[in-house]
């Protein structure tokens, strides 16, 4: 019998898989690969990294130094920041009965 994975396990698998796809199965990716991945997988966020200035700010927030490759840990920092923002926005109503997550 095949193992049934939870939604959370599948979501983590998707993050890892998409990173590997964008990085051509390398342990890190360059900024062009990163921008391409963001435009495909996070289109709502992609406008942030369209300019060199915006890209530089996002990379700095992820802990990436100038010219440095982007690791999964750096990418995870971005995902963490986005998830925290989504979580905070889902709790704007005091007595919400269900999650108002933006992706529902």
Foldseek 3Di string as FASTA:
>chain_A
DDDDDDPVVVVVVVLVVLQCVLQVNDQFRALVSVLVSCCVPVVVCSVQCPDVVSVVVLQVQLVHDPPRTGGSSSVVSVVVVVVVVQQVVQCPDPDDPDGPGPVD
